[in-house]
Amino acid sequence: MNSAIILDKITLEKFKKLPPEKQNMVKEFISFLFEKDCIEEKQISFLEDAKEFIGCVDGGPGDLATNKKYLEGLGQE
């Protein structure tokens, strides 16, 4: 037998010896690990999520750095 199959068999035997509440904890932990991986894969940047709103406002400065009054006193506090 290959070592992965032996490990699976040993793990399953140990799992079956656990009381039902501990088995449920193991199942929940495994589910948590899979959900965590799925969530991490689905994460996208703010830029990717907000693409549909880029350029939707007409008028105003394209960049707040061009508004000198907005920048007055910045970093002096």
PDB file of N, CA and C in Angstrom:
ATOM      1  N   MET A   1       0.848  -1.197   0.000  1.00  0.00           N
ATOM      2  CA  MET A   1       0.000   0.000   0.000  1.00  0.00           C
ATOM      3  C   MET A   1       0.878   1.240   0.000  1.00  0.00           C
ATOM      4  N   ASN A   2       0.380   2.273  -0.670  1.00  0.00           N
ATOM      5  CA  ASN A   2       1.175   3.501  -0.649  1.00  0.00           C
ATOM      6  C   ASN A   2       0.909   4.272   0.643  1.00  0.00           C
ATOM      7  N   SER A   3       1.835   5.142   0.994  1.00  0.00           N
ATOM      8  CA  SER A   3       1.778   5.805   2.309  1.00  0.00           C
ATOM      9  C   SER A   3       0.560   6.700   2.471  1.00  0.00           C
ATOM     10  N   ALA A   4       0.053   7.308   1.380  1.00  0.00           N
ATOM     11  CA  ALA A   4      -1.129   8.172   1.483  1.00  0.00           C
ATOM     12  C   ALA A   4      -2.359   7.348   1.878  1.00  0.00           C
ATOM     13  N   ILE A   5      -2.485   6.166   1.319  1.00  0.00           N
ATOM     14  CA  ILE A   5      -3.620   5.299   1.644  1.00  0.00           C
ATOM     15  C   ILE A   5      -3.533   4.832   3.099  1.00  0.00           C
ATOM     16  N   ILE A   6      -2.344   4.503   3.546  1.00  0.00           N
ATOM     17  CA  ILE A   6      -2.140   4.081   4.944  1.00  0.00           C
ATOM     18  C   ILE A   6      -2.495   5.232   5.884  1.00  0.00           C
ATOM     19  N   LEU A   7      -2.044   6.444   5.553  1.00  0.00           N
ATOM     20  CA  LEU A   7      -2.358   7.616   6.381  1.00  0.00           C
ATOM     21  C   LEU A   7      -3.865   7.847   6.419  1.00  0.00           C
ATOM     22  N   ASP A   8      -4.538   7.739   5.275  1.00  0.00           N
ATOM     23  CA  ASP A   8      -5.988   7.903   5.234  1.00  0.00           C
ATOM     24  C   ASP A   8      -6.679   6.890   6.136  1.00  0.00           C
ATOM     25  N   LYS A   9      -6.227   5.646   6.072  1.00  0.00           N
ATOM     26  CA  LYS A   9      -6.840   4.581   6.871  1.00  0.00           C
ATOM     27  C   LYS A   9      -6.649   4.830   8.371  1.00  0.00           C
ATOM     28  N   ILE A  10      -5.424   5.204   8.758  1.00  0.00           N
ATOM     29  CA  ILE A  10      -5.133   5.493  10.168  1.00  0.00           C
ATOM     30  C   ILE A  10      -5.975   6.677  10.648  1.00  0.00           C
ATOM     31  N   THR A  11      -6.052   7.731   9.827  1.00  0.00           N
ATOM     32  CA  THR A  11      -6.818   8.926  10.194  1.00  0.00           C
ATOM     33  C   THR A  11      -8.292   8.582  10.367  1.00  0.00           C
ATOM     34  N   LEU A  12      -8.837   7.804   9.441  1.00  0.00           N
ATOM     35  CA  LEU A  12     -10.245   7.418   9.527  1.00  0.00           C
ATOM     36  C   LEU A  12     -10.518   6.569  10.770  1.00  0.00           C
ATOM     37  N   GLU A  13      -9.586   5.661  11.080  1.00  0.00           N
ATOM     38  CA  GLU A  13      -9.756   4.829  12.281  1.00  0.00           C
ATOM     39  C   GLU A  13      -9.768   5.696  13.538  1.00  0.00           C
ATOM     40  N   LYS A  14      -8.866   6.658  13.606  1.00  0.00           N
ATOM     41  CA  LYS A  14      -8.825   7.551  14.776  1.00  0.00           C
ATOM     42  C   LYS A  14     -10.088   8.398  14.850  1.00  0.00           C
ATOM     43  N   PHE A  15     -10.540   8.875  13.703  1.00  0.00           N
ATOM     44  CA  PHE A  15     -11.748   9.695  13.650  1.00  0.00           C
ATOM     45  C   PHE A  15     -12.951   8.912  14.185  1.00  0.00           C
ATOM     46  N   LYS A  16     -13.070   7.659  13.775  1.00  0.00           N
ATOM     47  CA  LYS A  16     -14.202   6.831  14.206  1.00  0.00           C
ATOM     48  C   LYS A  16     -14.190   6.564  15.706  1.00  0.00           C
ATOM     49  N   LYS A  17     -13.016   6.624  16.333  1.00  0.00           N
ATOM     50  CA  LYS A  17     -12.909   6.389  17.777  1.00  0.00           C
ATOM     51  C   LYS A  17     -13.299   7.623  18.597  1.00  0.00           C
ATOM     52  N   LEU A  18     -13.390   8.761  17.967  1.00  0.00           N
ATOM     53  CA  LEU A  18     -13.771   9.983  18.676  1.00  0.00           C
ATOM     54  C   LEU A  18     -15.251   9.952  19.036  1.00  0.00           C
ATOM     55  N   PRO A  19     -15.618  10.590  20.149  1.00  0.00           N
ATOM     56  CA  PRO A  19     -17.047  10.709  20.469  1.00  0.00           C
ATOM     57  C   PRO A  19     -17.724  11.624  19.432  1.00  0.00           C
ATOM     58  N   PRO A  20     -19.031  11.492  19.270  1.00  0.00           N
ATOM     59  CA  PRO A  20     -19.749  12.255  18.229  1.00  0.00           C
ATOM     60  C   PRO A  20     -19.501  13.768  18.257  1.00  0.00           C
ATOM     61  N   GLU A  21     -19.435  14.346  19.464  1.00  0.00           N
ATOM     62  CA  GLU A  21     -19.219  15.804  19.525  1.00  0.00           C
ATOM     63  C   GLU A  21     -17.833  16.194  18.997  1.00  0.00           C
ATOM     64  N   LYS A  22     -16.836  15.356  19.231  1.00  0.00           N
ATOM     65  CA  LYS A  22     -15.488  15.621  18.712  1.00  0.00           C
ATOM     66  C   LYS A  22     -15.456  15.419  17.192  1.00  0.00           C
ATOM     67  N   GLN A  23     -16.201  14.422  16.701  1.00  0.00           N
ATOM     68  CA  GLN A  23     -16.290  14.208  15.257  1.00  0.00           C
ATOM     69  C   GLN A  23     -16.895  15.430  14.578  1.00  0.00           C
ATOM     70  N   ASN A  24     -17.923  15.990  15.220  1.00  0.00           N
ATOM     71  CA  ASN A  24     -18.537  17.209  14.672  1.00  0.00           C
ATOM     72  C   ASN A  24     -17.546  18.364  14.647  1.00  0.00           C
ATOM     73  N   MET A  25     -16.721  18.468  15.683  1.00  0.00           N
ATOM     74  CA  MET A  25     -15.712  19.532  15.717  1.00  0.00           C
ATOM     75  C   MET A  25     -14.726  19.370  14.560  1.00  0.00           C
ATOM     76  N   VAL A  26     -14.328  18.136  14.296  1.00  0.00           N
ATOM     77  CA  VAL A  26     -13.401  17.867  13.190  1.00  0.00           C
ATOM     78  C   VAL A  26     -14.052  18.248  11.862  1.00  0.00           C
ATOM     79  N   LYS A  27     -15.311  17.857  11.669  1.00  0.00           N
ATOM     80  CA  LYS A  27     -16.036  18.186  10.431  1.00  0.00           C
ATOM     81  C   LYS A  27     -16.137  19.705  10.257  1.00  0.00           C
ATOM     82  N   GLU A  28     -16.477  20.397  11.344  1.00  0.00           N
ATOM     83  CA  GLU A  28     -16.588  21.860  11.272  1.00  0.00           C
ATOM     84  C   GLU A  28     -15.243  22.499  10.940  1.00  0.00           C
ATOM     85  N   PHE A  29     -14.174  21.981  11.521  1.00  0.00           N
ATOM     86  CA  PHE A  29     -12.841  22.519  11.253  1.00  0.00           C
ATOM     87  C   PHE A  29     -12.456  22.319   9.783  1.00  0.00           C
ATOM     88  N   ILE A  30     -12.749  21.136   9.258  1.00  0.00           N
ATOM     89  CA  ILE A  30     -12.451  20.873   7.851  1.00  0.00           C
ATOM     90  C   ILE A  30     -13.261  21.810   6.960  1.00  0.00           C
ATOM     91  N   SER A  31     -14.537  21.991   7.279  1.00  0.00           N
ATOM     92  CA  SER A  31     -15.378  22.926   6.511  1.00  0.00           C
ATOM     93  C   SER A  31     -14.818  24.336   6.574  1.00  0.00           C
ATOM     94  N   PHE A  32     -14.398  24.747   7.769  1.00  0.00           N
ATOM     95  CA  PHE A  32     -13.811  26.073   7.947  1.00  0.00           C
ATOM     96  C   PHE A  32     -12.589  26.246   7.050  1.00  0.00           C
ATOM     97  N   LEU A  33     -11.721  25.241   7.000  1.00  0.00           N
ATOM     98  CA  LEU A  33     -10.512  25.329   6.173  1.00  0.00           C
ATOM     99  C   LEU A  33     -10.858  25.470   4.692  1.00  0.00           C
ATOM    100  N   PHE A  34     -11.855  24.723   4.233  1.00  0.00           N
ATOM    101  CA  PHE A  34     -12.253  24.828   2.830  1.00  0.00           C
ATOM    102  C   PHE A  34     -12.899  26.170   2.539  1.00  0.00           C
ATOM    103  N   GLU A  35     -13.750  26.654   3.437  1.00  0.00           N
ATOM    104  CA  GLU A  35     -14.389  27.962   3.241  1.00  0.00           C
ATOM    105  C   GLU A  35     -13.349  29.064   3.229  1.00  0.00           C
ATOM    106  N   LYS A  36     -12.362  28.979   4.097  1.00  0.00           N
ATOM    107  CA  LYS A  36     -11.299  29.978   4.175  1.00  0.00           C
ATOM    108  C   LYS A  36     -10.562  30.045   2.841  1.00  0.00           C
ATOM    109  N   ASP A  37     -10.240  28.894   2.269  1.00  0.00           N
ATOM    110  CA  ASP A  37      -9.560  28.863   0.979  1.00  0.00           C
ATOM    111  C   ASP A  37     -10.433  29.469  -0.106  1.00  0.00           C
ATOM    112  N   CYS A  38     -11.714  29.170  -0.090  1.00  0.00           N
ATOM    113  CA  CYS A  38     -12.620  29.703  -1.105  1.00  0.00           C
ATOM    114  C   CYS A  38     -12.743  31.212  -0.983  1.00  0.00           C
ATOM    115  N   ILE A  39     -12.826  31.701   0.235  1.00  0.00           N
ATOM    116  CA  ILE A  39     -12.925  33.147   0.453  1.00  0.00           C
ATOM    117  C   ILE A  39     -11.676  33.841  -0.043  1.00  0.00           C
ATOM    118  N   GLU A  40     -10.514  33.287   0.261  1.00  0.00           N
ATOM    119  CA  GLU A  40      -9.270  33.910  -0.171  1.00  0.00           C
ATOM    120  C   GLU A  40      -9.175  33.961  -1.687  1.00  0.00           C
ATOM    121  N   GLU A  41      -9.662  32.938  -2.371  1.00  0.00           N
ATOM    122  CA  GLU A  41      -9.611  32.915  -3.822  1.00  0.00           C
ATOM    123  C   GLU A  41     -10.544  33.967  -4.417  1.00  0.00           C
ATOM    124  N   LYS A  42     -11.652  34.246  -3.753  1.00  0.00           N
ATOM    125  CA  LYS A  42     -12.640  35.169  -4.289  1.00  0.00           C
ATOM    126  C   LYS A  42     -12.314  36.635  -4.000  1.00  0.00           C
ATOM    127  N   GLN A  43     -11.364  36.905  -3.135  1.00  0.00           N
ATOM    128  CA  GLN A  43     -11.057  38.282  -2.792  1.00  0.00           C
ATOM    129  C   GLN A  43     -10.510  39.016  -4.011  1.00  0.00           C
ATOM    130  N   ILE A  44     -11.026  40.228  -4.218  1.00  0.00           N
ATOM    131  CA  ILE A  44     -10.523  41.061  -5.298  1.00  0.00           C
ATOM    132  C   ILE A  44     -10.190  42.428  -4.737  1.00  0.00           C
ATOM    133  N   SER A  45      -9.433  43.176  -5.475  1.00  0.00           N
ATOM    134  CA  SER A  45      -9.029  44.496  -4.990  1.00  0.00           C
ATOM    135  C   SER A  45     -10.193  45.476  -5.085  1.00  0.00           C
ATOM    136  N   PHE A  46     -10.075  46.574  -4.368  1.00  0.00           N
ATOM    137  CA  PHE A  46     -11.100  47.615  -4.422  1.00  0.00           C
ATOM    138  C   PHE A  46     -11.219  48.148  -5.840  1.00  0.00           C
ATOM    139  N   LEU A  47     -10.082  48.326  -6.520  1.00  0.00           N
ATOM    140  CA  LEU A  47     -10.086  48.831  -7.887  1.00  0.00           C
ATOM    141  C   LEU A  47     -10.914  47.923  -8.801  1.00  0.00           C
ATOM    142  N   GLU A  48     -10.702  46.611  -8.688  1.00  0.00           N
ATOM    143  CA  GLU A  48     -11.461  45.679  -9.523  1.00  0.00           C
ATOM    144  C   GLU A  48     -12.955  45.750  -9.207  1.00  0.00           C
ATOM    145  N   ASP A  49     -13.291  45.900  -7.944  1.00  0.00           N
ATOM    146  CA  ASP A  49     -14.688  45.943  -7.534  1.00  0.00           C
ATOM    147  C   ASP A  49     -15.366  47.250  -7.936  1.00  0.00           C
ATOM    148  N   ALA A  50     -14.609  48.341  -8.012  1.00  0.00           N
ATOM    149  CA  ALA A  50     -15.179  49.668  -8.280  1.00  0.00           C
ATOM    150  C   ALA A  50     -15.027  50.103  -9.738  1.00  0.00           C
ATOM    151  N   LYS A  51     -14.563  49.230 -10.617  1.00  0.00           N
ATOM    152  CA  LYS A  51     -14.330  49.602 -12.015  1.00  0.00           C
ATOM    153  C   LYS A  51     -15.549  50.240 -12.671  1.00  0.00           C
ATOM    154  N   GLU A  52     -16.729  49.744 -12.362  1.00  0.00           N
ATOM    155  CA  GLU A  52     -17.935  50.272 -13.004  1.00  0.00           C
ATOM    156  C   GLU A  52     -18.207  51.737 -12.629  1.00  0.00           C
ATOM    157  N   PHE A  53     -17.618  52.207 -11.517  1.00  0.00           N
ATOM    158  CA  PHE A  53     -17.868  53.574 -11.072  1.00  0.00           C
ATOM    159  C   PHE A  53     -16.780  54.559 -11.503  1.00  0.00           C
ATOM    160  N   ILE A  54     -15.695  54.072 -12.061  1.00  0.00           N
ATOM    161  CA  ILE A  54     -14.599  54.950 -12.474  1.00  0.00           C
ATOM    162  C   ILE A  54     -15.088  55.840 -13.604  1.00  0.00           C
ATOM    163  N   GLY A  55     -14.922  57.153 -13.395  1.00  0.00           N
ATOM    164  CA  GLY A  55     -15.322  58.126 -14.411  1.00  0.00           C
ATOM    165  C   GLY A  55     -16.802  58.411 -14.455  1.00  0.00           C
ATOM    166  N   CYS A  56     -17.584  57.986 -13.469  1.00  0.00           N
ATOM    167  CA  CYS A  56     -19.032  58.189 -13.521  1.00  0.00           C
ATOM    168  C   CYS A  56     -19.456  59.590 -13.062  1.00  0.00           C
ATOM    169  N   VAL A  57     -18.544  60.363 -12.486  1.00  0.00           N
ATOM    170  CA  VAL A  57     -18.868  61.711 -12.030  1.00  0.00           C
ATOM    171  C   VAL A  57     -18.319  62.714 -13.037  1.00  0.00           C
ATOM    172  N   ASP A  58     -19.209  63.577 -13.543  1.00  0.00           N
ATOM    173  CA  ASP A  58     -18.779  64.611 -14.477  1.00  0.00           C
ATOM    174  C   ASP A  58     -18.398  65.867 -13.716  1.00  0.00           C
ATOM    175  N   GLY A  59     -17.352  66.540 -14.161  1.00  0.00           N
ATOM    176  CA  GLY A  59     -16.921  67.775 -13.534  1.00  0.00           C
ATOM    177  C   GLY A  59     -16.069  67.511 -12.319  1.00  0.00           C
ATOM    178  N   GLY A  60     -15.554  68.581 -11.727  1.00  0.00           N
ATOM    179  CA  GLY A  60     -14.694  68.446 -10.563  1.00  0.00           C
ATOM    180  C   GLY A  60     -13.290  68.052 -10.977  1.00  0.00           C
ATOM    181  N   PRO A  61     -12.346  68.165 -10.050  1.00  0.00           N
ATOM    182  CA  PRO A  61     -10.971  67.806 -10.402  1.00  0.00           C
ATOM    183  C   PRO A  61     -10.841  66.292 -10.611  1.00  0.00           C
ATOM    184  N   GLY A  62     -10.017  65.900 -11.534  1.00  0.00           N
ATOM    185  CA  GLY A  62      -9.781  64.491 -11.778  1.00  0.00           C
ATOM    186  C   GLY A  62      -8.999  63.866 -10.639  1.00  0.00           C
ATOM    187  N   ASP A  63      -8.254  64.710  -9.922  1.00  0.00           N
ATOM    188  CA  ASP A  63      -7.409  64.235  -8.841  1.00  0.00           C
ATOM    189  C   ASP A  63      -7.417  65.298  -7.755  1.00  0.00           C
ATOM    190  N   LEU A  64      -7.691  64.949  -6.508  1.00  0.00           N
ATOM    191  CA  LEU A  64      -7.754  65.950  -5.437  1.00  0.00           C
ATOM    192  C   LEU A  64      -6.423  66.669  -5.241  1.00  0.00           C
ATOM    193  N   ALA A  65      -5.335  66.093  -5.694  1.00  0.00           N
ATOM    194  CA  ALA A  65      -4.029  66.736  -5.555  1.00  0.00           C
ATOM    195  C   ALA A  65      -3.949  67.998  -6.405  1.00  0.00           C
ATOM    196  N   THR A  66      -4.850  68.150  -7.373  1.00  0.00           N
ATOM    197  CA  THR A  66      -4.845  69.368  -8.195  1.00  0.00           C
ATOM    198  C   THR A  66      -5.579  70.505  -7.496  1.00  0.00           C
ATOM    199  N   ASN A  67      -6.298  70.221  -6.430  1.00  0.00           N
ATOM    200  CA  ASN A  67      -7.026  71.237  -5.677  1.00  0.00           C
ATOM    201  C   ASN A  67      -6.121  71.710  -4.537  1.00  0.00           C
ATOM    202  N   LYS A  68      -5.425  72.811  -4.766  1.00  0.00           N
ATOM    203  CA  LYS A  68      -4.422  73.290  -3.799  1.00  0.00           C
ATOM    204  C   LYS A  68      -5.045  73.636  -2.446  1.00  0.00           C
ATOM    205  N   LYS A  69      -6.270  74.185  -2.422  1.00  0.00           N
ATOM    206  CA  LYS A  69      -6.895  74.527  -1.145  1.00  0.00           C
ATOM    207  C   LYS A  69      -7.159  73.281  -0.314  1.00  0.00           C
ATOM    208  N   TYR A  70      -7.460  72.184  -0.946  1.00  0.00           N
ATOM    209  CA  TYR A  70      -7.711  70.939  -0.247  1.00  0.00           C
ATOM    210  C   TYR A  70      -6.453  70.481   0.483  1.00  0.00           C
ATOM    211  N   LEU A  71      -5.298  70.778  -0.085  1.00  0.00           N
ATOM    212  CA  LEU A  71      -4.044  70.326   0.484  1.00  0.00           C
ATOM    213  C   LEU A  71      -3.434  71.309   1.492  1.00  0.00           C
ATOM    214  N   GLU A  72      -4.019  72.499   1.643  1.00  0.00           N
ATOM    215  CA  GLU A  72      -3.471  73.484   2.580  1.00  0.00           C
ATOM    216  C   GLU A  72      -3.452  72.922   3.994  1.00  0.00           C
ATOM    217  N   GLY A  73      -2.307  73.066   4.680  1.00  0.00           N
ATOM    218  CA  GLY A  73      -2.164  72.650   6.061  1.00  0.00           C
ATOM    219  C   GLY A  73      -1.975  71.149   6.255  1.00  0.00           C
ATOM    220  N   LEU A  74      -1.923  70.417   5.196  1.00  0.00           N
ATOM    221  CA  LEU A  74      -1.760  68.972   5.294  1.00  0.00           C
ATOM    222  C   LEU A  74      -0.395  68.624   5.902  1.00  0.00           C
ATOM    223  N   GLY A  75      -0.384  67.854   6.951  1.00  0.00           N
ATOM    224  CA  GLY A  75       0.845  67.410   7.597  1.00  0.00           C
ATOM    225  C   GLY A  75       1.442  68.406   8.569  1.00  0.00           C
ATOM    226  N   GLN A  76       0.742  69.501   8.832  1.00  0.00           N
ATOM    227  CA  GLN A  76       1.298  70.510   9.743  1.00  0.00           C
ATOM    228  C   GLN A  76       0.803  70.345  11.165  1.00  0.00           C
ATOM    229  N   GLU A  77      -0.100  69.446  11.383  1.00  0.00           N
ATOM    230  CA  GLU A  77      -0.638  69.275  12.736  1.00  0.00           C
ATOM    231  C   GLU A  77       0.210  68.368  13.573  1.00  0.00           C
TER     232      GLU A  77
END
